[in-house]
């Protein structure tokens, strides 16, 4: 025997029917805090400093990074 029950309700109604807590306000608070922290971090980002950290401040660092990208594009270490 096979019994199928179909319940048409919203997620909020289902949580209330099952006795689960409403975490909507908590989720909104967490997302607002996360958004504020992301905006702050984006405002402090300095692309020039990031490039200097990745490649070094010298021309040798730029040359090294260029060789790395060429090797990656070529499919591996070519010398």
C-alpha atoms as a PDB file:
ATOM      1  CA  UNK A   1       0.000   0.000   0.000  1.00  0.00           C
ATOM      2  CA  UNK A   2       1.268   3.459  -0.834  1.00  0.00           C
ATOM      3  CA  UNK A   3       0.002   6.643   0.803  1.00  0.00           C
ATOM      4  CA  UNK A   4       0.895  10.093  -0.504  1.00  0.00           C
ATOM      5  CA  UNK A   5       0.241  13.240   1.493  1.00  0.00           C
ATOM      6  CA  UNK A   6       0.718  16.604  -0.147  1.00  0.00           C
ATOM      7  CA  UNK A   7       0.893  19.693   2.055  1.00  0.00           C
ATOM      8  CA  UNK A   8       0.804  23.118   0.443  1.00  0.00           C
ATOM      9  CA  UNK A   9       2.296  25.702   2.795  1.00  0.00           C
ATOM     10  CA  UNK A  10       5.009  28.302   2.966  1.00  0.00           C
ATOM     11  CA  UNK A  11       8.345  27.602   4.685  1.00  0.00           C
ATOM     12  CA  UNK A  12       7.287  29.854   7.574  1.00  0.00           C
ATOM     13  CA  UNK A  13       4.050  27.879   8.021  1.00  0.00           C
ATOM     14  CA  UNK A  14       5.965  24.584   7.923  1.00  0.00           C
ATOM     15  CA  UNK A  15       8.440  25.755  10.580  1.00  0.00           C
ATOM     16  CA  UNK A  16       5.576  26.916  12.805  1.00  0.00           C
ATOM     17  CA  UNK A  17       3.717  23.616  12.334  1.00  0.00           C
ATOM     18  CA  UNK A  18       6.818  21.618  13.271  1.00  0.00           C
ATOM     19  CA  UNK A  19       7.623  23.880  16.221  1.00  0.00           C
ATOM     20  CA  UNK A  20      10.929  25.095  14.786  1.00  0.00           C
ATOM     21  CA  UNK A  21      12.220  28.538  15.789  1.00  0.00           C
ATOM     22  CA  UNK A  22      11.953  31.537  13.491  1.00  0.00           C
ATOM     23  CA  UNK A  23      15.565  32.461  12.741  1.00  0.00           C
ATOM     24  CA  UNK A  24      14.712  35.192  10.215  1.00  0.00           C
ATOM     25  CA  UNK A  25      15.649  38.103  12.509  1.00  0.00           C
ATOM     26  CA  UNK A  26      18.935  36.421  13.479  1.00  0.00           C
ATOM     27  CA  UNK A  27      19.760  35.781   9.834  1.00  0.00           C
ATOM     28  CA  UNK A  28      19.051  39.409   8.941  1.00  0.00           C
ATOM     29  CA  UNK A  29      21.311  40.620  11.769  1.00  0.00           C
ATOM     30  CA  UNK A  30      24.163  38.336  10.703  1.00  0.00           C
ATOM     31  CA  UNK A  31      23.859  39.359   7.047  1.00  0.00           C
ATOM     32  CA  UNK A  32      23.830  43.054   7.963  1.00  0.00           C
ATOM     33  CA  UNK A  33      27.013  42.616  10.021  1.00  0.00           C
ATOM     34  CA  UNK A  34      28.668  40.644   7.249  1.00  0.00           C
ATOM     35  CA  UNK A  35      27.752  43.312   4.709  1.00  0.00           C
ATOM     36  CA  UNK A  36      29.222  46.028   6.917  1.00  0.00           C
ATOM     37  CA  UNK A  37      32.487  44.115   7.361  1.00  0.00           C
ATOM     38  CA  UNK A  38      32.763  43.431   3.611  1.00  0.00           C
ATOM     39  CA  UNK A  39      32.188  47.100   2.812  1.00  0.00           C
ATOM     40  CA  UNK A  40      34.859  48.108   5.337  1.00  0.00           C
ATOM     41  CA  UNK A  41      37.368  45.606   3.939  1.00  0.00           C
ATOM     42  CA  UNK A  42      36.675  46.707   0.364  1.00  0.00           C
ATOM     43  CA  UNK A  43      37.257  50.325   1.351  1.00  0.00           C
ATOM     44  CA  UNK A  44      40.662  49.468   2.829  1.00  0.00           C
ATOM     45  CA  UNK A  45      41.841  47.377  -0.145  1.00  0.00           C
ATOM     46  CA  UNK A  46      44.870  48.838  -1.911  1.00  0.00           C
ATOM     47  CA  UNK A  47      45.540  47.156  -5.286  1.00  0.00           C
ATOM     48  CA  UNK A  48      49.047  48.593  -5.544  1.00  0.00           C
ATOM     49  CA  UNK A  49      50.045  47.171  -2.167  1.00  0.00           C
ATOM     50  CA  UNK A  50      48.561  43.797  -3.098  1.00  0.00           C
ATOM     51  CA  UNK A  51      50.551  43.673  -6.344  1.00  0.00           C
ATOM     52  CA  UNK A  52      53.747  44.630  -4.517  1.00  0.00           C
ATOM     53  CA  UNK A  53      53.138  41.861  -1.992  1.00  0.00           C
ATOM     54  CA  UNK A  54      52.519  39.293  -4.733  1.00  0.00           C
ATOM     55  CA  UNK A  55      55.307  40.316  -7.113  1.00  0.00           C
ATOM     56  CA  UNK A  56      57.809  42.138  -4.966  1.00  0.00           C
ATOM     57  CA  UNK A  57      58.775  45.770  -5.362  1.00  0.00           C
ATOM     58  CA  UNK A  58      61.533  45.077  -7.887  1.00  0.00           C
ATOM     59  CA  UNK A  59      61.586  44.540 -11.627  1.00  0.00           C
ATOM     60  CA  UNK A  60      62.794  41.006 -10.904  1.00  0.00           C
ATOM     61  CA  UNK A  61      59.516  40.282  -9.143  1.00  0.00           C
ATOM     62  CA  UNK A  62      57.557  41.511 -12.166  1.00  0.00           C
ATOM     63  CA  UNK A  63      59.711  39.398 -14.473  1.00  0.00           C
ATOM     64  CA  UNK A  64      59.229  36.361 -12.232  1.00  0.00           C
ATOM     65  CA  UNK A  65      55.450  36.825 -12.235  1.00  0.00           C
ATOM     66  CA  UNK A  66      55.438  37.240 -16.033  1.00  0.00           C
ATOM     67  CA  UNK A  67      57.385  33.984 -16.442  1.00  0.00           C
ATOM     68  CA  UNK A  68      54.972  32.236 -14.090  1.00  0.00           C
ATOM     69  CA  UNK A  69      51.942  33.354 -16.128  1.00  0.00           C
ATOM     70  CA  UNK A  70      53.648  32.355 -19.400  1.00  0.00           C
ATOM     71  CA  UNK A  71      54.424  28.911 -18.002  1.00  0.00           C
ATOM     72  CA  UNK A  72      50.870  28.499 -16.758  1.00  0.00           C
ATOM     73  CA  UNK A  73      49.476  29.528 -20.165  1.00  0.00           C
ATOM     74  CA  UNK A  74      51.849  27.131 -21.923  1.00  0.00           C
ATOM     75  CA  UNK A  75      50.668  24.236 -19.769  1.00  0.00           C
ATOM     76  CA  UNK A  76      53.578  23.677 -17.445  1.00  0.00           C
ATOM     77  CA  UNK A  77      57.254  24.294 -16.798  1.00  0.00           C
ATOM     78  CA  UNK A  78      59.023  25.079 -20.063  1.00  0.00           C
ATOM     79  CA  UNK A  79      62.443  25.966 -18.747  1.00  0.00           C
END
